[in-house]
PDB file of all heavy atoms in Angstrom:
ATOM      1  N   LYS A   1       0.014  39.450  -2.642  1.00  0.00           N
ATOM      2  CA  LYS A   1       1.142  38.526  -2.666  1.00  0.00           C
ATOM      3  C   LYS A   1       0.985  37.433  -3.726  1.00  0.00           C
ATOM      4  O   LYS A   1       1.924  36.691  -3.990  1.00  0.00           O
ATOM      5  CB  LYS A   1       1.313  37.868  -1.292  1.00  0.00           C
ATOM      6  CG  LYS A   1       1.580  38.857  -0.153  1.00  0.00           C
ATOM      7  CD  LYS A   1       1.655  38.127   1.179  1.00  0.00           C
ATOM      8  CE  LYS A   1       1.887  39.087   2.321  1.00  0.00           C
ATOM      9  NZ  LYS A   1       1.920  38.396   3.641  1.00  0.00           N
ATOM     10  N   LEU A   2      -0.199  37.335  -4.288  1.00  0.00           N
ATOM     11  CA  LEU A   2      -0.494  36.282  -5.251  1.00  0.00           C
ATOM     12  C   LEU A   2      -1.288  36.905  -6.398  1.00  0.00           C
ATOM     13  O   LEU A   2      -2.317  37.544  -6.169  1.00  0.00           O
ATOM     14  CB  LEU A   2      -1.302  35.161  -4.583  1.00  0.00           C
ATOM     15  CG  LEU A   2      -1.619  33.910  -5.393  1.00  0.00           C
ATOM     16  CD1 LEU A   2      -0.343  33.208  -5.833  1.00  0.00           C
ATOM     17  CD2 LEU A   2      -2.490  32.953  -4.570  1.00  0.00           C
ATOM     18  N   THR A   3      -0.807  36.717  -7.631  1.00  0.00           N
ATOM     19  CA  THR A   3      -1.418  37.376  -8.785  1.00  0.00           C
ATOM     20  C   THR A   3      -2.307  36.444  -9.604  1.00  0.00           C
ATOM     21  O   THR A   3      -3.406  36.818 -10.014  1.00  0.00           O
ATOM     22  CB  THR A   3      -0.318  37.945  -9.703  1.00  0.00           C
ATOM     23  OG1 THR A   3       0.533  38.801  -8.942  1.00  0.00           O
ATOM     24  CG2 THR A   3      -0.924  38.717 -10.863  1.00  0.00           C
ATOM     25  N   GLU A   4      -1.815  35.244  -9.826  1.00  0.00           N
ATOM     26  CA  GLU A   4      -2.523  34.355 -10.745  1.00  0.00           C
ATOM     27  C   GLU A   4      -2.250  32.898 -10.383  1.00  0.00           C
ATOM     28  O   GLU A   4      -1.128  32.542 -10.016  1.00  0.00           O
ATOM     29  CB  GLU A   4      -2.069  34.636 -12.186  1.00  0.00           C
ATOM     30  CG  GLU A   4      -2.837  33.901 -13.254  1.00  0.00           C
ATOM     31  CD  GLU A   4      -2.404  34.323 -14.646  1.00  0.00           C
ATOM     32  OE1 GLU A   4      -1.656  35.315 -14.772  1.00  0.00           O
ATOM     33  OE2 GLU A   4      -2.813  33.643 -15.616  1.00  0.00           O
ATOM     34  N   VAL A   5      -3.278  32.056 -10.487  1.00  0.00           N
ATOM     35  CA  VAL A   5      -3.144  30.604 -10.299  1.00  0.00           C
ATOM     36  C   VAL A   5      -3.961  29.919 -11.397  1.00  0.00           C
ATOM     37  O   VAL A   5      -5.133  30.254 -11.602  1.00  0.00           O
ATOM     38  CB  VAL A   5      -3.650  30.140  -8.914  1.00  0.00           C
ATOM     39  CG1 VAL A   5      -3.551  28.612  -8.801  1.00  0.00           C
ATOM     40  CG2 VAL A   5      -2.881  30.803  -7.787  1.00  0.00           C
ATOM     41  N   SER A   6      -3.363  28.997 -12.089  1.00  0.00           N
ATOM     42  CA  SER A   6      -4.099  28.224 -13.089  1.00  0.00           C
ATOM     43  C   SER A   6      -3.575  26.790 -13.100  1.00  0.00           C
ATOM     44  O   SER A   6      -2.509  26.503 -12.565  1.00  0.00           O
ATOM     45  CB  SER A   6      -3.958  28.855 -14.481  1.00  0.00           C
ATOM     46  OG  SER A   6      -2.608  28.806 -14.908  1.00  0.00           O
ATOM     47  N   TYR A   7      -4.357  25.909 -13.715  1.00  0.00           N
ATOM     48  CA  TYR A   7      -3.996  24.491 -13.774  1.00  0.00           C
ATOM     49  C   TYR A   7      -4.108  24.012 -15.218  1.00  0.00           C
ATOM     50  O   TYR A   7      -5.021  24.390 -15.952  1.00  0.00           O
ATOM     51  CB  TYR A   7      -4.909  23.662 -12.876  1.00  0.00           C
ATOM     52  CG  TYR A   7      -4.742  23.991 -11.414  1.00  0.00           C
ATOM     53  CD1 TYR A   7      -5.494  25.013 -10.828  1.00  0.00           C
ATOM     54  CD2 TYR A   7      -3.825  23.324 -10.614  1.00  0.00           C
ATOM     55  CE1 TYR A   7      -5.333  25.346  -9.488  1.00  0.00           C
ATOM     56  CE2 TYR A   7      -3.658  23.644  -9.281  1.00  0.00           C
ATOM     57  CZ  TYR A   7      -4.414  24.662  -8.726  1.00  0.00           C
ATOM     58  OH  TYR A   7      -4.247  24.983  -7.404  1.00  0.00           O
ATOM     59  N   SER A   8      -3.185  23.173 -15.611  1.00  0.00           N
ATOM     60  CA  SER A   8      -3.177  22.640 -16.977  1.00  0.00           C
ATOM     61  C   SER A   8      -2.857  21.155 -16.956  1.00  0.00           C
ATOM     62  O   SER A   8      -2.449  20.611 -15.920  1.00  0.00           O
ATOM     63  CB  SER A   8      -2.147  23.395 -17.831  1.00  0.00           C
ATOM     64  OG  SER A   8      -0.847  23.296 -17.264  1.00  0.00           O
ATOM     65  N   ASP A   9      -3.059  20.503 -18.112  1.00  0.00           N
ATOM     66  CA  ASP A   9      -2.747  19.074 -18.277  1.00  0.00           C
ATOM     67  C   ASP A   9      -3.384  18.225 -17.179  1.00  0.00           C
ATOM     68  O   ASP A   9      -2.728  17.389 -16.541  1.00  0.00           O
ATOM     69  CB  ASP A   9      -1.229  18.852 -18.293  1.00  0.00           C
ATOM     70  CG  ASP A   9      -0.550  19.628 -19.418  1.00  0.00           C
ATOM     71  OD1 ASP A   9      -1.127  19.683 -20.511  1.00  0.00           O
ATOM     72  OD2 ASP A   9       0.530  20.183 -19.183  1.00  0.00           O
ATOM     73  N   ILE A  10      -4.682  18.444 -16.958  1.00  0.00           N
ATOM     74  CA  ILE A  10      -5.404  17.697 -15.924  1.00  0.00           C
ATOM     75  C   ILE A  10      -5.766  16.314 -16.468  1.00  0.00           C
ATOM     76  O   ILE A  10      -6.455  16.198 -17.480  1.00  0.00           O
ATOM     77  CB  ILE A  10      -6.674  18.453 -15.497  1.00  0.00           C
ATOM     78  CG1 ILE A  10      -6.307  19.835 -14.953  1.00  0.00           C
ATOM     79  CG2 ILE A  10      -7.459  17.646 -14.468  1.00  0.00           C
ATOM     80  CD1 ILE A  10      -7.486  20.779 -14.821  1.00  0.00           C
ATOM     81  N   LYS A  11      -5.288  15.289 -15.800  1.00  0.00           N
ATOM     82  CA  LYS A  11      -5.568  13.916 -16.221  1.00  0.00           C
ATOM     83  C   LYS A  11      -6.050  13.113 -15.007  1.00  0.00           C
ATOM     84  O   LYS A  11      -5.476  13.211 -13.921  1.00  0.00           O
ATOM     85  CB  LYS A  11      -4.320  13.252 -16.816  1.00  0.00           C
ATOM     86  CG  LYS A  11      -3.806  13.929 -18.083  1.00  0.00           C
ATOM     87  CD  LYS A  11      -2.568  13.209 -18.613  1.00  0.00           C
ATOM     88  CE  LYS A  11      -2.081  13.845 -19.915  1.00  0.00           C
ATOM     89  NZ  LYS A  11      -1.616  15.238 -19.706  1.00  0.00           N
ATOM     90  N   THR A  12      -7.090  12.337 -15.198  1.00  0.00           N
ATOM     91  CA  THR A  12      -7.634  11.527 -14.110  1.00  0.00           C
ATOM     92  C   THR A  12      -7.549  10.044 -14.460  1.00  0.00           C
ATOM     93  O   THR A  12      -7.725   9.648 -15.608  1.00  0.00           O
ATOM     94  CB  THR A  12      -9.103  11.893 -13.823  1.00  0.00           C
ATOM     95  OG1 THR A  12      -9.893  11.683 -15.009  1.00  0.00           O
ATOM     96  CG2 THR A  12      -9.228  13.342 -13.384  1.00  0.00           C
ATOM     97  N   GLU A  13      -7.282   9.256 -13.430  1.00  0.00           N
ATOM     98  CA  GLU A  13      -7.255   7.795 -13.570  1.00  0.00           C
ATOM     99  C   GLU A  13      -8.076   7.208 -12.434  1.00  0.00           C
ATOM    100  O   GLU A  13      -7.758   7.404 -11.253  1.00  0.00           O
ATOM    101  CB  GLU A  13      -5.820   7.267 -13.495  1.00  0.00           C
ATOM    102  CG  GLU A  13      -5.725   5.753 -13.572  1.00  0.00           C
ATOM    103  CD  GLU A  13      -4.332   5.230 -13.307  1.00  0.00           C
ATOM    104  OE1 GLU A  13      -3.382   6.041 -13.239  1.00  0.00           O
ATOM    105  OE2 GLU A  13      -4.187   4.005 -13.142  1.00  0.00           O
ATOM    106  N   VAL A  14      -9.157   6.519 -12.786  1.00  0.00           N
ATOM    107  CA  VAL A  14     -10.029   5.932 -11.774  1.00  0.00           C
ATOM    108  C   VAL A  14      -9.411   4.617 -11.311  1.00  0.00           C
ATOM    109  O   VAL A  14      -9.376   3.632 -12.063  1.00  0.00           O
ATOM    110  CB  VAL A  14     -11.453   5.711 -12.319  1.00  0.00           C
ATOM    111  CG1 VAL A  14     -12.364   5.172 -11.220  1.00  0.00           C
ATOM    112  CG2 VAL A  14     -12.015   7.007 -12.893  1.00  0.00           C
ATOM    113  N   ALA A  15      -8.910   4.613 -10.077  1.00  0.00           N
ATOM    114  CA  ALA A  15      -8.265   3.411  -9.540  1.00  0.00           C
ATOM    115  C   ALA A  15      -9.296   2.331  -9.234  1.00  0.00           C
ATOM    116  O   ALA A  15      -9.062   1.142  -9.486  1.00  0.00           O
ATOM    117  CB  ALA A  15      -7.470   3.758  -8.291  1.00  0.00           C
ATOM    118  N   ASN A  16     -10.439   2.719  -8.675  1.00  0.00           N
ATOM    119  CA  ASN A  16     -11.525   1.767  -8.452  1.00  0.00           C
ATOM    120  C   ASN A  16     -12.844   2.514  -8.324  1.00  0.00           C
ATOM    121  O   ASN A  16     -12.882   3.707  -8.025  1.00  0.00           O
ATOM    122  CB  ASN A  16     -11.280   0.867  -7.230  1.00  0.00           C
ATOM    123  CG  ASN A  16     -10.940   1.661  -5.984  1.00  0.00           C
ATOM    124  OD1 ASN A  16     -11.689   2.525  -5.556  1.00  0.00           O
ATOM    125  ND2 ASN A  16      -9.792   1.369  -5.387  1.00  0.00           N
ATOM    126  N   TRP A  17     -13.921   1.787  -8.583  1.00  0.00           N
ATOM    127  CA  TRP A  17     -15.269   2.359  -8.560  1.00  0.00           C
ATOM    128  C   TRP A  17     -16.193   1.352  -7.903  1.00  0.00           C
ATOM    129  O   TRP A  17     -16.308   0.213  -8.344  1.00  0.00           O
ATOM    130  CB  TRP A  17     -15.739   2.685  -9.980  1.00  0.00           C
ATOM    131  CG  TRP A  17     -17.207   2.888 -10.181  1.00  0.00           C
ATOM    132  CD1 TRP A  17     -18.026   2.179 -11.017  1.00  0.00           C
ATOM    133  CD2 TRP A  17     -18.054   3.865  -9.559  1.00  0.00           C
ATOM    134  NE1 TRP A  17     -19.307   2.654 -10.954  1.00  0.00           N
ATOM    135  CE2 TRP A  17     -19.354   3.693 -10.068  1.00  0.00           C
ATOM    136  CE3 TRP A  17     -17.824   4.863  -8.606  1.00  0.00           C
ATOM    137  CZ2 TRP A  17     -20.430   4.482  -9.662  1.00  0.00           C
ATOM    138  CZ3 TRP A  17     -18.892   5.654  -8.197  1.00  0.00           C
ATOM    139  CH2 TRP A  17     -20.170   5.470  -8.718  1.00  0.00           C
ATOM    140  N   PHE A  18     -16.851   1.797  -6.814  1.00  0.00           N
ATOM    141  CA  PHE A  18     -17.741   0.921  -6.056  1.00  0.00           C
ATOM    142  C   PHE A  18     -19.146   1.525  -6.073  1.00  0.00           C
ATOM    143  O   PHE A  18     -19.479   2.387  -5.249  1.00  0.00           O
ATOM    144  CB  PHE A  18     -17.232   0.754  -4.627  1.00  0.00           C
ATOM    145  CG  PHE A  18     -15.872   0.110  -4.545  1.00  0.00           C
ATOM    146  CD1 PHE A  18     -14.770   0.838  -4.131  1.00  0.00           C
ATOM    147  CD2 PHE A  18     -15.702  -1.219  -4.883  1.00  0.00           C
ATOM    148  CE1 PHE A  18     -13.513   0.249  -4.052  1.00  0.00           C
ATOM    149  CE2 PHE A  18     -14.451  -1.823  -4.812  1.00  0.00           C
ATOM    150  CZ  PHE A  18     -13.357  -1.085  -4.400  1.00  0.00           C
ATOM    151  N   PRO A  19     -19.997   1.096  -7.006  1.00  0.00           N
ATOM    152  CA  PRO A  19     -21.325   1.697  -7.139  1.00  0.00           C
ATOM    153  C   PRO A  19     -22.253   1.442  -5.963  1.00  0.00           C
ATOM    154  O   PRO A  19     -23.225   2.176  -5.760  1.00  0.00           O
ATOM    155  CB  PRO A  19     -21.872   1.063  -8.427  1.00  0.00           C
ATOM    156  CG  PRO A  19     -21.065  -0.170  -8.642  1.00  0.00           C
ATOM    157  CD  PRO A  19     -19.717   0.110  -8.072  1.00  0.00           C
ATOM    158  N   GLN A  20     -21.974   0.410  -5.150  1.00  0.00           N
ATOM    159  CA  GLN A  20     -22.838   0.084  -4.007  1.00  0.00           C
ATOM    160  C   GLN A  20     -22.287   0.622  -2.685  1.00  0.00           C
ATOM    161  O   GLN A  20     -22.748   0.229  -1.619  1.00  0.00           O
ATOM    162  CB  GLN A  20     -22.982  -1.440  -3.897  1.00  0.00           C
ATOM    163  CG  GLN A  20     -23.583  -2.110  -5.107  1.00  0.00           C
ATOM    164  CD  GLN A  20     -25.075  -1.859  -5.229  1.00  0.00           C
ATOM    165  OE1 GLN A  20     -25.711  -1.399  -4.302  1.00  0.00           O
ATOM    166  NE2 GLN A  20     -25.627  -2.169  -6.383  1.00  0.00           N
ATOM    167  N   ALA A  21     -21.321   1.526  -2.747  1.00  0.00           N
ATOM    168  CA  ALA A  21     -20.637   1.964  -1.524  1.00  0.00           C
ATOM    169  C   ALA A  21     -21.579   2.566  -0.494  1.00  0.00           C
ATOM    170  O   ALA A  21     -21.387   2.412   0.710  1.00  0.00           O
ATOM    171  CB  ALA A  21     -19.533   2.959  -1.870  1.00  0.00           C
ATOM    172  N   THR A  22     -22.617   3.290  -0.936  1.00  0.00           N
ATOM    173  CA  THR A  22     -23.622   3.835  -0.020  1.00  0.00           C
ATOM    174  C   THR A  22     -24.995   3.604  -0.624  1.00  0.00           C
ATOM    175  O   THR A  22     -25.119   3.282  -1.815  1.00  0.00           O
ATOM    176  CB  THR A  22     -23.431   5.354   0.227  1.00  0.00           C
ATOM    177  OG1 THR A  22     -23.964   6.079  -0.889  1.00  0.00           O
ATOM    178  CG2 THR A  22     -21.967   5.723   0.439  1.00  0.00           C
ATOM    179  N   SER A  23     -26.019   3.811   0.164  1.00  0.00           N
ATOM    180  CA  SER A  23     -27.389   3.658  -0.336  1.00  0.00           C
ATOM    181  C   SER A  23     -27.794   4.839  -1.194  1.00  0.00           C
ATOM    182  O   SER A  23     -28.872   4.831  -1.786  1.00  0.00           O
ATOM    183  CB  SER A  23     -28.362   3.511   0.844  1.00  0.00           C
ATOM    184  OG  SER A  23     -28.288   4.654   1.677  1.00  0.00           O
ATOM    185  N   HIS A  24     -26.949   5.860  -1.259  1.00  0.00           N
ATOM    186  CA  HIS A  24     -27.283   7.063  -2.030  1.00  0.00           C
ATOM    187  C   HIS A  24     -26.201   7.376  -3.062  1.00  0.00           C
ATOM    188  O   HIS A  24     -26.033   8.529  -3.454  1.00  0.00           O
ATOM    189  CB  HIS A  24     -27.497   8.255  -1.089  1.00  0.00           C
ATOM    190  CG  HIS A  24     -26.444   8.391  -0.026  1.00  0.00           C
ATOM    191  ND1 HIS A  24     -25.271   9.057  -0.221  1.00  0.00           N
ATOM    192  CD2 HIS A  24     -26.403   7.909   1.252  1.00  0.00           C
ATOM    193  CE1 HIS A  24     -24.542   9.000   0.889  1.00  0.00           C
ATOM    194  NE2 HIS A  24     -25.203   8.305   1.794  1.00  0.00           N
ATOM    195  N   GLY A  25     -25.459   6.356  -3.490  1.00  0.00           N
ATOM    196  CA  GLY A  25     -24.476   6.570  -4.551  1.00  0.00           C
ATOM    197  C   GLY A  25     -23.141   5.931  -4.269  1.00  0.00           C
ATOM    198  O   GLY A  25     -22.794   5.647  -3.120  1.00  0.00           O
ATOM    199  N   GLY A  26     -22.368   5.731  -5.337  1.00  0.00           N
ATOM    200  CA  GLY A  26     -21.094   5.042  -5.225  1.00  0.00           C
ATOM    201  C   GLY A  26     -19.928   5.960  -4.894  1.00  0.00           C
ATOM    202  O   GLY A  26     -20.081   7.184  -4.816  1.00  0.00           O
ATOM    203  N   ILE A  27     -18.756   5.347  -4.692  1.00  0.00           N
ATOM    204  CA  ILE A  27     -17.535   6.077  -4.367  1.00  0.00           C
ATOM    205  C   ILE A  27     -16.410   5.563  -5.265  1.00  0.00           C
ATOM    206  O   ILE A  27     -16.237   4.358  -5.430  1.00  0.00           O
ATOM    207  CB  ILE A  27     -17.145   5.909  -2.886  1.00  0.00           C
ATOM    208  CG1 ILE A  27     -18.196   6.556  -1.985  1.00  0.00           C
ATOM    209  CG2 ILE A  27     -15.776   6.529  -2.609  1.00  0.00           C
ATOM    210  CD1 ILE A  27     -17.946   6.358  -0.506  1.00  0.00           C
ATOM    211  N   ALA A  28     -15.658   6.498  -5.849  1.00  0.00           N
ATOM    212  CA  ALA A  28     -14.510   6.156  -6.682  1.00  0.00           C
ATOM    213  C   ALA A  28     -13.245   6.703  -6.047  1.00  0.00           C
ATOM    214  O   ALA A  28     -13.248   7.784  -5.449  1.00  0.00           O
ATOM    215  CB  ALA A  28     -14.674   6.726  -8.086  1.00  0.00           C
ATOM    216  N   THR A  29     -12.156   5.947  -6.168  1.00  0.00           N
ATOM    217  CA  THR A  29     -10.829   6.445  -5.810  1.00  0.00           C
ATOM    218  C   THR A  29     -10.149   6.867  -7.106  1.00  0.00           C
ATOM    219  O   THR A  29     -10.102   6.094  -8.057  1.00  0.00           O
ATOM    220  CB  THR A  29     -10.007   5.364  -5.100  1.00  0.00           C
ATOM    221  OG1 THR A  29     -10.720   4.922  -3.936  1.00  0.00           O
ATOM    222  CG2 THR A  29      -8.657   5.911  -4.675  1.00  0.00           C
ATOM    223  N   VAL A  30      -9.645   8.093  -7.123  1.00  0.00           N
ATOM    224  CA  VAL A  30      -9.145   8.680  -8.362  1.00  0.00           C
ATOM    225  C   VAL A  30      -7.749   9.261  -8.155  1.00  0.00           C
ATOM    226  O   VAL A  30      -7.499   9.961  -7.168  1.00  0.00           O
ATOM    227  CB  VAL A  30     -10.083   9.811  -8.854  1.00  0.00           C
ATOM    228  CG1 VAL A  30      -9.642  10.309 -10.229  1.00  0.00           C
ATOM    229  CG2 VAL A  30     -11.522   9.343  -8.898  1.00  0.00           C
ATOM    230  N   LYS A  31      -6.850   8.978  -9.087  1.00  0.00           N
ATOM    231  CA  LYS A  31      -5.548   9.626  -9.120  1.00  0.00           C
ATOM    232  C   LYS A  31      -5.617  10.782 -10.119  1.00  0.00           C
ATOM    233  O   LYS A  31      -5.996  10.579 -11.275  1.00  0.00           O
ATOM    234  CB  LYS A  31      -4.462   8.633  -9.527  1.00  0.00           C
ATOM    235  CG  LYS A  31      -4.224   7.536  -8.493  1.00  0.00           C
ATOM    236  CD  LYS A  31      -3.125   6.582  -8.932  1.00  0.00           C
ATOM    237  CE  LYS A  31      -2.894   5.501  -7.881  1.00  0.00           C
ATOM    238  NZ  LYS A  31      -1.846   4.538  -8.302  1.00  0.00           N
ATOM    239  N   VAL A  32      -5.277  11.969  -9.641  1.00  0.00           N
ATOM    240  CA  VAL A  32      -5.372  13.170 -10.477  1.00  0.00           C
ATOM    241  C   VAL A  32      -3.983  13.774 -10.656  1.00  0.00           C
ATOM    242  O   VAL A  32      -3.316  14.101  -9.672  1.00  0.00           O
ATOM    243  CB  VAL A  32      -6.320  14.212  -9.848  1.00  0.00           C
ATOM    244  CG1 VAL A  32      -6.440  15.428 -10.751  1.00  0.00           C
ATOM    245  CG2 VAL A  32      -7.690  13.610  -9.574  1.00  0.00           C
ATOM    246  N   THR A  33      -3.572  13.907 -11.900  1.00  0.00           N
ATOM    247  CA  THR A  33      -2.304  14.560 -12.223  1.00  0.00           C
ATOM    248  C   THR A  33      -2.612  15.912 -12.856  1.00  0.00           C
ATOM    249  O   THR A  33      -3.458  15.996 -13.759  1.00  0.00           O
ATOM    250  CB  THR A  33      -1.478  13.715 -13.197  1.00  0.00           C
ATOM    251  OG1 THR A  33      -1.245  12.429 -12.621  1.00  0.00           O
ATOM    252  CG2 THR A  33      -0.140  14.377 -13.501  1.00  0.00           C
ATOM    253  N   ARG A  34      -1.959  16.954 -12.353  1.00  0.00           N
ATOM    254  CA  ARG A  34      -2.170  18.276 -12.915  1.00  0.00           C
ATOM    255  C   ARG A  34      -0.925  19.126 -12.726  1.00  0.00           C
ATOM    256  O   ARG A  34      -0.102  18.869 -11.845  1.00  0.00           O
ATOM    257  CB  ARG A  34      -3.401  18.954 -12.300  1.00  0.00           C
ATOM    258  CG  ARG A  34      -3.189  19.742 -11.038  1.00  0.00           C
ATOM    259  CD  ARG A  34      -2.742  18.937  -9.842  1.00  0.00           C
ATOM    260  NE  ARG A  34      -2.570  19.741  -8.649  1.00  0.00           N
ATOM    261  CZ  ARG A  34      -1.447  20.379  -8.311  1.00  0.00           C
ATOM    262  NH1 ARG A  34      -0.411  20.333  -9.101  1.00  0.00           N
ATOM    263  NH2 ARG A  34      -1.371  21.071  -7.202  1.00  0.00           N
ATOM    264  N   THR A  35      -0.780  20.145 -13.564  1.00  0.00           N
ATOM    265  CA  THR A  35       0.330  21.084 -13.456  1.00  0.00           C
ATOM    266  C   THR A  35      -0.213  22.416 -12.951  1.00  0.00           C
ATOM    267  O   THR A  35      -1.162  22.960 -13.533  1.00  0.00           O
ATOM    268  CB  THR A  35       1.020  21.281 -14.811  1.00  0.00           C
ATOM    269  OG1 THR A  35       1.549  20.027 -15.250  1.00  0.00           O
ATOM    270  CG2 THR A  35       2.146  22.299 -14.703  1.00  0.00           C
ATOM    271  N   SER A  36       0.349  22.906 -11.853  1.00  0.00           N
ATOM    272  CA  SER A  36      -0.072  24.200 -11.310  1.00  0.00           C
ATOM    273  C   SER A  36       0.871  25.285 -11.809  1.00  0.00           C
ATOM    274  O   SER A  36       2.085  25.093 -11.874  1.00  0.00           O
ATOM    275  CB  SER A  36      -0.077  24.165  -9.778  1.00  0.00           C
ATOM    276  OG  SER A  36       1.221  23.966  -9.272  1.00  0.00           O
TER     277      SER A  36
END
């Protein structure tokens, strides 16, 4: 029922970045725009 899936024009925008969010690494909130 499904032949092919691909993605193009992938663009990311980092809304915020918190390097101290955990003791084992930070957490970023990201907006991702893509065309399926």
